[in-house]
Amino acid sequence: MTAAEIHVKIIVVVKEPDVRRFLTESAALKKQGDRNNINAVLQVSVQANKNLYGKIRRDDKMSPALEELMQDVIDERVEERVAH
């Protein structure tokens, strides 16, 4: 599955199994362009489905996948705070 295919799917995702599959499949994408696309889609999806992502974040099995997807964003924020 390509980042573009995942992007199309996530726009209509509202069910937990679909979000979990998105997170799992997205974690396998390693190219920087794909990661950038996934991060953009993830930000929109999280904003639209905050309660669902909160539930998934508390799940010990899915939390590492979500953390891996967001690691570059986390690193950027840490660097920004250290620089200030």
PDB file of N, CA and C in Angstrom:
ATOM      1  N   MET A   1       0.852  -1.167   0.000  1.00  0.00           N
ATOM      2  CA  MET A   1       0.000   0.000   0.000  1.00  0.00           C
ATOM      3  C   MET A   1       0.901   1.234   0.000  1.00  0.00           C
ATOM      4  N   THR A   2       0.555   2.202  -0.824  1.00  0.00           N
ATOM      5  CA  THR A   2       1.344   3.430  -0.893  1.00  0.00           C
ATOM      6  C   THR A   2       0.773   4.473   0.061  1.00  0.00           C
ATOM      7  N   ALA A   3       1.560   5.505   0.305  1.00  0.00           N
ATOM      8  CA  ALA A   3       1.101   6.593   1.180  1.00  0.00           C
ATOM      9  C   ALA A   3      -0.152   7.244   0.604  1.00  0.00           C
ATOM     10  N   ALA A   4      -0.214   7.397  -0.711  1.00  0.00           N
ATOM     11  CA  ALA A   4      -1.389   8.010  -1.338  1.00  0.00           C
ATOM     12  C   ALA A   4      -2.637   7.157  -1.107  1.00  0.00           C
ATOM     13  N   GLU A   5      -2.508   5.845  -1.205  1.00  0.00           N
ATOM     14  CA  GLU A   5      -3.648   4.963  -0.963  1.00  0.00           C
ATOM     15  C   GLU A   5      -4.096   5.054   0.489  1.00  0.00           C
ATOM     16  N   ILE A   6      -3.150   5.116   1.386  1.00  0.00           N
ATOM     17  CA  ILE A   6      -3.492   5.248   2.796  1.00  0.00           C
ATOM     18  C   ILE A   6      -4.172   6.588   3.023  1.00  0.00           C
ATOM     19  N   HIS A   7      -3.685   7.638   2.381  1.00  0.00           N
ATOM     20  CA  HIS A   7      -4.269   8.970   2.518  1.00  0.00           C
ATOM     21  C   HIS A   7      -5.741   8.952   2.123  1.00  0.00           C
ATOM     22  N   VAL A   8      -6.053   8.336   1.006  1.00  0.00           N
ATOM     23  CA  VAL A   8      -7.443   8.260   0.556  1.00  0.00           C
ATOM     24  C   VAL A   8      -8.285   7.507   1.568  1.00  0.00           C
ATOM     25  N   LYS A   9      -7.779   6.437   2.114  1.00  0.00           N
ATOM     26  CA  LYS A   9      -8.529   5.636   3.070  1.00  0.00           C
ATOM     27  C   LYS A   9      -8.779   6.387   4.369  1.00  0.00           C
ATOM     28  N   ILE A  10      -7.795   7.117   4.849  1.00  0.00           N
ATOM     29  CA  ILE A  10      -7.925   7.734   6.174  1.00  0.00           C
ATOM     30  C   ILE A  10      -8.966   8.837   6.189  1.00  0.00           C
ATOM     31  N   ILE A  11      -9.207   9.467   5.083  1.00  0.00           N
ATOM     32  CA  ILE A  11     -10.184  10.548   5.039  1.00  0.00           C
ATOM     33  C   ILE A  11     -11.563  10.042   5.458  1.00  0.00           C
ATOM     34  N   VAL A  12     -11.887   8.815   5.134  1.00  0.00           N
ATOM     35  CA  VAL A  12     -13.200   8.275   5.456  1.00  0.00           C
ATOM     36  C   VAL A  12     -13.186   7.355   6.684  1.00  0.00           C
ATOM     37  N   VAL A  13     -12.038   7.164   7.283  1.00  0.00           N
ATOM     38  CA  VAL A  13     -11.922   6.261   8.425  1.00  0.00           C
ATOM     39  C   VAL A  13     -12.589   6.873   9.645  1.00  0.00           C
ATOM     40  N   VAL A  14     -13.489   6.120  10.241  1.00  0.00           N
ATOM     41  CA  VAL A  14     -14.103   6.536  11.495  1.00  0.00           C
ATOM     42  C   VAL A  14     -14.218   5.366  12.459  1.00  0.00           C
ATOM     43  N   LYS A  15     -13.883   4.178  11.996  1.00  0.00           N
ATOM     44  CA  LYS A  15     -14.015   2.988  12.832  1.00  0.00           C
ATOM     45  C   LYS A  15     -12.653   2.567  13.366  1.00  0.00           C
ATOM     46  N   GLU A  16     -12.645   2.118  14.594  1.00  0.00           N
ATOM     47  CA  GLU A  16     -11.409   1.754  15.270  1.00  0.00           C
ATOM     48  C   GLU A  16     -10.561   0.725  14.521  1.00  0.00           C
ATOM     49  N   PRO A  17     -11.137  -0.365  13.992  1.00  0.00           N
ATOM     50  CA  PRO A  17     -10.282  -1.331  13.281  1.00  0.00           C
ATOM     51  C   PRO A  17      -9.567  -0.704  12.084  1.00  0.00           C
ATOM     52  N   ASP A  18     -10.214   0.235  11.416  1.00  0.00           N
ATOM     53  CA  ASP A  18      -9.584   0.891  10.273  1.00  0.00           C
ATOM     54  C   ASP A  18      -8.422   1.771  10.717  1.00  0.00           C
ATOM     55  N   VAL A  19      -8.595   2.496  11.807  1.00  0.00           N
ATOM     56  CA  VAL A  19      -7.532   3.349  12.325  1.00  0.00           C
ATOM     57  C   VAL A  19      -6.353   2.488  12.780  1.00  0.00           C
ATOM     58  N   ARG A  20      -6.636   1.401  13.446  1.00  0.00           N
ATOM     59  CA  ARG A  20      -5.559   0.504  13.892  1.00  0.00           C
ATOM     60  C   ARG A  20      -4.789  -0.056  12.696  1.00  0.00           C
ATOM     61  N   ARG A  21      -5.491  -0.449  11.651  1.00  0.00           N
ATOM     62  CA  ARG A  21      -4.834  -0.959  10.448  1.00  0.00           C
ATOM     63  C   ARG A  21      -3.990   0.137   9.793  1.00  0.00           C
ATOM     64  N   PHE A  22      -4.535   1.359   9.737  1.00  0.00           N
ATOM     65  CA  PHE A  22      -3.795   2.498   9.186  1.00  0.00           C
ATOM     66  C   PHE A  22      -2.490   2.697   9.944  1.00  0.00           C
ATOM     67  N   LEU A  23      -2.549   2.669  11.267  1.00  0.00           N
ATOM     68  CA  LEU A  23      -1.347   2.871  12.077  1.00  0.00           C
ATOM     69  C   LEU A  23      -0.326   1.764  11.845  1.00  0.00           C
ATOM     70  N   THR A  24      -0.798   0.546  11.785  1.00  0.00           N
ATOM     71  CA  THR A  24       0.096  -0.595  11.580  1.00  0.00           C
ATOM     72  C   THR A  24       0.747  -0.534  10.205  1.00  0.00           C
ATOM     73  N   GLU A  25      -0.042  -0.303   9.165  1.00  0.00           N
ATOM     74  CA  GLU A  25       0.489  -0.250   7.806  1.00  0.00           C
ATOM     75  C   GLU A  25       1.390   0.974   7.620  1.00  0.00           C
ATOM     76  N   SER A  26       1.035   2.078   8.230  1.00  0.00           N
ATOM     77  CA  SER A  26       1.824   3.295   8.093  1.00  0.00           C
ATOM     78  C   SER A  26       3.194   3.156   8.742  1.00  0.00           C
ATOM     79  N   ALA A  27       3.259   2.419   9.827  1.00  0.00           N
ATOM     80  CA  ALA A  27       4.534   2.235  10.524  1.00  0.00           C
ATOM     81  C   ALA A  27       5.555   1.526   9.640  1.00  0.00           C
ATOM     82  N   ALA A  28       5.084   0.777   8.647  1.00  0.00           N
ATOM     83  CA  ALA A  28       5.987   0.046   7.761  1.00  0.00           C
ATOM     84  C   ALA A  28       6.599   0.945   6.688  1.00  0.00           C
ATOM     85  N   LEU A  29       6.035   2.125   6.458  1.00  0.00           N
ATOM     86  CA  LEU A  29       6.558   3.029   5.433  1.00  0.00           C
ATOM     87  C   LEU A  29       7.766   3.764   5.977  1.00  0.00           C
ATOM     88  N   LYS A  30       8.875   3.696   5.261  1.00  0.00           N
ATOM     89  CA  LYS A  30      10.128   4.249   5.771  1.00  0.00           C
ATOM     90  C   LYS A  30      10.668   5.412   4.947  1.00  0.00           C
ATOM     91  N   LYS A  31      10.237   5.577   3.684  1.00  0.00           N
ATOM     92  CA  LYS A  31      10.739   6.675   2.865  1.00  0.00           C
ATOM     93  C   LYS A  31      10.296   8.003   3.465  1.00  0.00           C
ATOM     94  N   GLN A  32      11.187   8.990   3.430  1.00  0.00           N
ATOM     95  CA  GLN A  32      10.888  10.270   4.058  1.00  0.00           C
ATOM     96  C   GLN A  32       9.634  10.917   3.469  1.00  0.00           C
ATOM     97  N   GLY A  33       9.459  10.851   2.161  1.00  0.00           N
ATOM     98  CA  GLY A  33       8.259  11.417   1.538  1.00  0.00           C
ATOM     99  C   GLY A  33       6.994  10.742   2.038  1.00  0.00           C
ATOM    100  N   ASP A  34       7.041   9.431   2.159  1.00  0.00           N
ATOM    101  CA  ASP A  34       5.892   8.688   2.694  1.00  0.00           C
ATOM    102  C   ASP A  34       5.633   9.084   4.140  1.00  0.00           C
ATOM    103  N   ARG A  35       6.714   9.213   4.923  1.00  0.00           N
ATOM    104  CA  ARG A  35       6.569   9.584   6.338  1.00  0.00           C
ATOM    105  C   ARG A  35       5.948  10.977   6.471  1.00  0.00           C
ATOM    106  N   ASN A  36       6.380  11.900   5.611  1.00  0.00           N
ATOM    107  CA  ASN A  36       5.802  13.245   5.638  1.00  0.00           C
ATOM    108  C   ASN A  36       4.308  13.204   5.324  1.00  0.00           C
ATOM    109  N   ASN A  37       3.946  12.412   4.323  1.00  0.00           N
ATOM    110  CA  ASN A  37       2.529  12.285   3.964  1.00  0.00           C
ATOM    111  C   ASN A  37       1.730  11.659   5.096  1.00  0.00           C
ATOM    112  N   ILE A  38       2.278  10.621   5.687  1.00  0.00           N
ATOM    113  CA  ILE A  38       1.594   9.948   6.783  1.00  0.00           C
ATOM    114  C   ILE A  38       1.408  10.899   7.954  1.00  0.00           C
ATOM    115  N   ASN A  39       2.435  11.669   8.279  1.00  0.00           N
ATOM    116  CA  ASN A  39       2.318  12.613   9.390  1.00  0.00           C
ATOM    117  C   ASN A  39       1.231  13.644   9.127  1.00  0.00           C
ATOM    118  N   ALA A  40       1.143  14.119   7.895  1.00  0.00           N
ATOM    119  CA  ALA A  40       0.104  15.098   7.556  1.00  0.00           C
ATOM    120  C   ALA A  40      -1.283  14.479   7.701  1.00  0.00           C
ATOM    121  N   VAL A  41      -1.436  13.286   7.184  1.00  0.00           N
ATOM    122  CA  VAL A  41      -2.721  12.589   7.275  1.00  0.00           C
ATOM    123  C   VAL A  41      -3.054  12.282   8.730  1.00  0.00           C
ATOM    124  N   LEU A  42      -2.067  11.862   9.470  1.00  0.00           N
ATOM    125  CA  LEU A  42      -2.272  11.520  10.875  1.00  0.00           C
ATOM    126  C   LEU A  42      -2.739  12.730  11.671  1.00  0.00           C
ATOM    127  N   GLN A  43      -2.151  13.883  11.411  1.00  0.00           N
ATOM    128  CA  GLN A  43      -2.561  15.091  12.121  1.00  0.00           C
ATOM    129  C   GLN A  43      -4.026  15.415  11.867  1.00  0.00           C
ATOM    130  N   VAL A  44      -4.452  15.313  10.613  1.00  0.00           N
ATOM    131  CA  VAL A  44      -5.856  15.578  10.274  1.00  0.00           C
ATOM    132  C   VAL A  44      -6.760  14.534  10.902  1.00  0.00           C
ATOM    133  N   SER A  45      -6.354  13.277  10.810  1.00  0.00           N
ATOM    134  CA  SER A  45      -7.169  12.194  11.344  1.00  0.00           C
ATOM    135  C   SER A  45      -7.315  12.294  12.857  1.00  0.00           C
ATOM    136  N   VAL A  46      -6.223  12.614  13.546  1.00  0.00           N
ATOM    137  CA  VAL A  46      -6.280  12.740  15.003  1.00  0.00           C
ATOM    138  C   VAL A  46      -7.215  13.878  15.394  1.00  0.00           C
ATOM    139  N   GLN A  47      -7.129  14.995  14.695  1.00  0.00           N
ATOM    140  CA  GLN A  47      -8.008  16.125  14.999  1.00  0.00           C
ATOM    141  C   GLN A  47      -9.479  15.752  14.810  1.00  0.00           C
ATOM    142  N   ALA A  48      -9.758  14.950  13.804  1.00  0.00           N
ATOM    143  CA  ALA A  48     -11.143  14.564  13.512  1.00  0.00           C
ATOM    144  C   ALA A  48     -11.646  13.443  14.409  1.00  0.00           C
ATOM    145  N   ASN A  49     -10.737  12.711  15.019  1.00  0.00           N
ATOM    146  CA  ASN A  49     -11.114  11.517  15.792  1.00  0.00           C
ATOM    147  C   ASN A  49     -10.375  11.465  17.129  1.00  0.00           C
ATOM    148  N   LYS A  50     -10.362  12.563  17.864  1.00  0.00           N
ATOM    149  CA  LYS A  50      -9.575  12.659  19.101  1.00  0.00           C
ATOM    150  C   LYS A  50      -9.908  11.568  20.103  1.00  0.00           C
ATOM    151  N   ASN A  51     -11.161  11.306  20.330  1.00  0.00           N
ATOM    152  CA  ASN A  51     -11.541  10.287  21.319  1.00  0.00           C
ATOM    153  C   ASN A  51     -11.046   8.905  20.917  1.00  0.00           C
ATOM    154  N   LEU A  52     -11.183   8.585  19.641  1.00  0.00           N
ATOM    155  CA  LEU A  52     -10.756   7.282  19.153  1.00  0.00           C
ATOM    156  C   LEU A  52      -9.240   7.124  19.292  1.00  0.00           C
ATOM    157  N   TYR A  53      -8.486   8.135  18.899  1.00  0.00           N
ATOM    158  CA  TYR A  53      -7.028   8.057  19.024  1.00  0.00           C
ATOM    159  C   TYR A  53      -6.603   8.025  20.490  1.00  0.00           C
ATOM    160  N   GLY A  54      -7.346   8.704  21.356  1.00  0.00           N
ATOM    161  CA  GLY A  54      -7.054   8.638  22.784  1.00  0.00           C
ATOM    162  C   GLY A  54      -7.194   7.224  23.302  1.00  0.00           C
ATOM    163  N   LYS A  55      -8.237   6.543  22.867  1.00  0.00           N
ATOM    164  CA  LYS A  55      -8.452   5.149  23.264  1.00  0.00           C
ATOM    165  C   LYS A  55      -7.322   4.267  22.736  1.00  0.00           C
ATOM    166  N   ILE A  56      -6.956   4.467  21.476  1.00  0.00           N
ATOM    167  CA  ILE A  56      -5.886   3.670  20.867  1.00  0.00           C
ATOM    168  C   ILE A  56      -4.551   3.960  21.545  1.00  0.00           C
ATOM    169  N   ARG A  57      -4.317   5.224  21.896  1.00  0.00           N
ATOM    170  CA  ARG A  57      -3.060   5.612  22.555  1.00  0.00           C
ATOM    171  C   ARG A  57      -2.898   4.901  23.895  1.00  0.00           C
ATOM    172  N   ARG A  58      -3.997   4.657  24.577  1.00  0.00           N
ATOM    173  CA  ARG A  58      -3.939   3.969  25.876  1.00  0.00           C
ATOM    174  C   ARG A  58      -3.769   2.457  25.728  1.00  0.00           C
ATOM    175  N   ASP A  59      -3.906   1.938  24.522  1.00  0.00           N
ATOM    176  CA  ASP A  59      -3.755   0.508  24.256  1.00  0.00           C
ATOM    177  C   ASP A  59      -2.263   0.182  24.155  1.00  0.00           C
ATOM    178  N   ASP A  60      -1.771  -0.680  25.047  1.00  0.00           N
ATOM    179  CA  ASP A  60      -0.350  -1.018  25.076  1.00  0.00           C
ATOM    180  C   ASP A  60       0.165  -1.573  23.755  1.00  0.00           C
ATOM    181  N   LYS A  61      -0.686  -2.244  22.994  1.00  0.00           N
ATOM    182  CA  LYS A  61      -0.244  -2.844  21.737  1.00  0.00           C
ATOM    183  C   LYS A  61      -0.109  -1.807  20.627  1.00  0.00           C
ATOM    184  N   MET A  62      -1.009  -0.827  20.581  1.00  0.00           N
ATOM    185  CA  MET A  62      -0.994   0.149  19.503  1.00  0.00           C
ATOM    186  C   MET A  62      -0.140   1.370  19.812  1.00  0.00           C
ATOM    187  N   SER A  63       0.079   1.660  21.063  1.00  0.00           N
ATOM    188  CA  SER A  63       0.821   2.853  21.432  1.00  0.00           C
ATOM    189  C   SER A  63       2.207   2.923  20.781  1.00  0.00           C
ATOM    190  N   PRO A  64       2.979   1.836  20.744  1.00  0.00           N
ATOM    191  CA  PRO A  64       4.287   1.906  20.081  1.00  0.00           C
ATOM    192  C   PRO A  64       4.190   2.267  18.597  1.00  0.00           C
ATOM    193  N   ALA A  65       3.168   1.782  17.900  1.00  0.00           N
ATOM    194  CA  ALA A  65       3.005   2.127  16.486  1.00  0.00           C
ATOM    195  C   ALA A  65       2.710   3.614  16.329  1.00  0.00           C
ATOM    196  N   LEU A  66       1.866   4.134  17.174  1.00  0.00           N
ATOM    197  CA  LEU A  66       1.535   5.559  17.133  1.00  0.00           C
ATOM    198  C   LEU A  66       2.761   6.393  17.486  1.00  0.00           C
ATOM    199  N   GLU A  67       3.506   5.981  18.483  1.00  0.00           N
ATOM    200  CA  GLU A  67       4.723   6.700  18.859  1.00  0.00           C
ATOM    201  C   GLU A  67       5.741   6.687  17.729  1.00  0.00           C
ATOM    202  N   GLU A  68       5.891   5.544  17.078  1.00  0.00           N
ATOM    203  CA  GLU A  68       6.840   5.452  15.966  1.00  0.00           C
ATOM    204  C   GLU A  68       6.450   6.396  14.840  1.00  0.00           C
ATOM    205  N   LEU A  69       5.159   6.451  14.532  1.00  0.00           N
ATOM    206  CA  LEU A  69       4.698   7.343  13.475  1.00  0.00           C
ATOM    207  C   LEU A  69       4.957   8.805  13.807  1.00  0.00           C
ATOM    208  N   MET A  70       4.835   9.149  15.062  1.00  0.00           N
ATOM    209  CA  MET A  70       4.969  10.543  15.475  1.00  0.00           C
ATOM    210  C   MET A  70       6.374  10.906  15.944  1.00  0.00           C
ATOM    211  N   GLN A  71       7.316   9.968  15.907  1.00  0.00           N
ATOM    212  CA  GLN A  71       8.636  10.211  16.479  1.00  0.00           C
ATOM    213  C   GLN A  71       9.328  11.427  15.886  1.00  0.00           C
ATOM    214  N   ASP A  72       9.265  11.627  14.573  1.00  0.00           N
ATOM    215  CA  ASP A  72       9.945  12.778  13.990  1.00  0.00           C
ATOM    216  C   ASP A  72       9.314  14.089  14.445  1.00  0.00           C
ATOM    217  N   VAL A  73       8.004  14.104  14.634  1.00  0.00           N
ATOM    218  CA  VAL A  73       7.330  15.299  15.142  1.00  0.00           C
ATOM    219  C   VAL A  73       7.743  15.548  16.595  1.00  0.00           C
ATOM    220  N   ILE A  74       7.806  14.490  17.374  1.00  0.00           N
ATOM    221  CA  ILE A  74       8.230  14.604  18.771  1.00  0.00           C
ATOM    222  C   ILE A  74       9.656  15.145  18.830  1.00  0.00           C
ATOM    223  N   ASP A  75      10.542  14.596  18.004  1.00  0.00           N
ATOM    224  CA  ASP A  75      11.933  15.045  17.987  1.00  0.00           C
ATOM    225  C   ASP A  75      12.046  16.519  17.621  1.00  0.00           C
ATOM    226  N   GLU A  76      11.269  16.956  16.622  1.00  0.00           N
ATOM    227  CA  GLU A  76      11.275  18.365  16.215  1.00  0.00           C
ATOM    228  C   GLU A  76      10.865  19.270  17.371  1.00  0.00           C
ATOM    229  N   ARG A  77       9.815  18.895  18.066  1.00  0.00           N
ATOM    230  CA  ARG A  77       9.333  19.713  19.183  1.00  0.00           C
ATOM    231  C   ARG A  77      10.340  19.777  20.318  1.00  0.00           C
ATOM    232  N   VAL A  78      10.990  18.672  20.591  1.00  0.00           N
ATOM    233  CA  VAL A  78      12.015  18.654  21.628  1.00  0.00           C
ATOM    234  C   VAL A  78      13.166  19.574  21.228  1.00  0.00           C
ATOM    235  N   GLU A  79      13.607  19.482  19.983  1.00  0.00           N
ATOM    236  CA  GLU A  79      14.693  20.341  19.496  1.00  0.00           C
ATOM    237  C   GLU A  79      14.320  21.808  19.586  1.00  0.00           C
ATOM    238  N   GLU A  80      13.088  22.143  19.226  1.00  0.00           N
ATOM    239  CA  GLU A  80      12.629  23.535  19.308  1.00  0.00           C
ATOM    240  C   GLU A  80      12.669  24.042  20.746  1.00  0.00           C
ATOM    241  N   ARG A  81      12.241  23.226  21.669  1.00  0.00           N
ATOM    242  CA  ARG A  81      12.219  23.637  23.077  1.00  0.00           C
ATOM    243  C   ARG A  81      13.629  23.772  23.648  1.00  0.00           C
ATOM    244  N   VAL A  82      14.521  22.880  23.236  1.00  0.00           N
ATOM    245  CA  VAL A  82      15.900  22.946  23.703  1.00  0.00           C
ATOM    246  C   VAL A  82      16.578  24.194  23.133  1.00  0.00           C
ATOM    247  N   ALA A  83      16.250  24.571  21.898  1.00  0.00           N
ATOM    248  CA  ALA A  83      16.857  25.729  21.247  1.00  0.00           C
ATOM    249  C   ALA A  83      16.422  27.045  21.885  1.00  0.00           C
ATOM    250  N   HIS A  84      15.266  27.048  22.528  1.00  0.00           N
ATOM    251  CA  HIS A  84      14.757  28.299  23.121  1.00  0.00           C
ATOM    252  C   HIS A  84      15.231  28.454  24.491  1.00  0.00           C
TER     253      HIS A  84
END
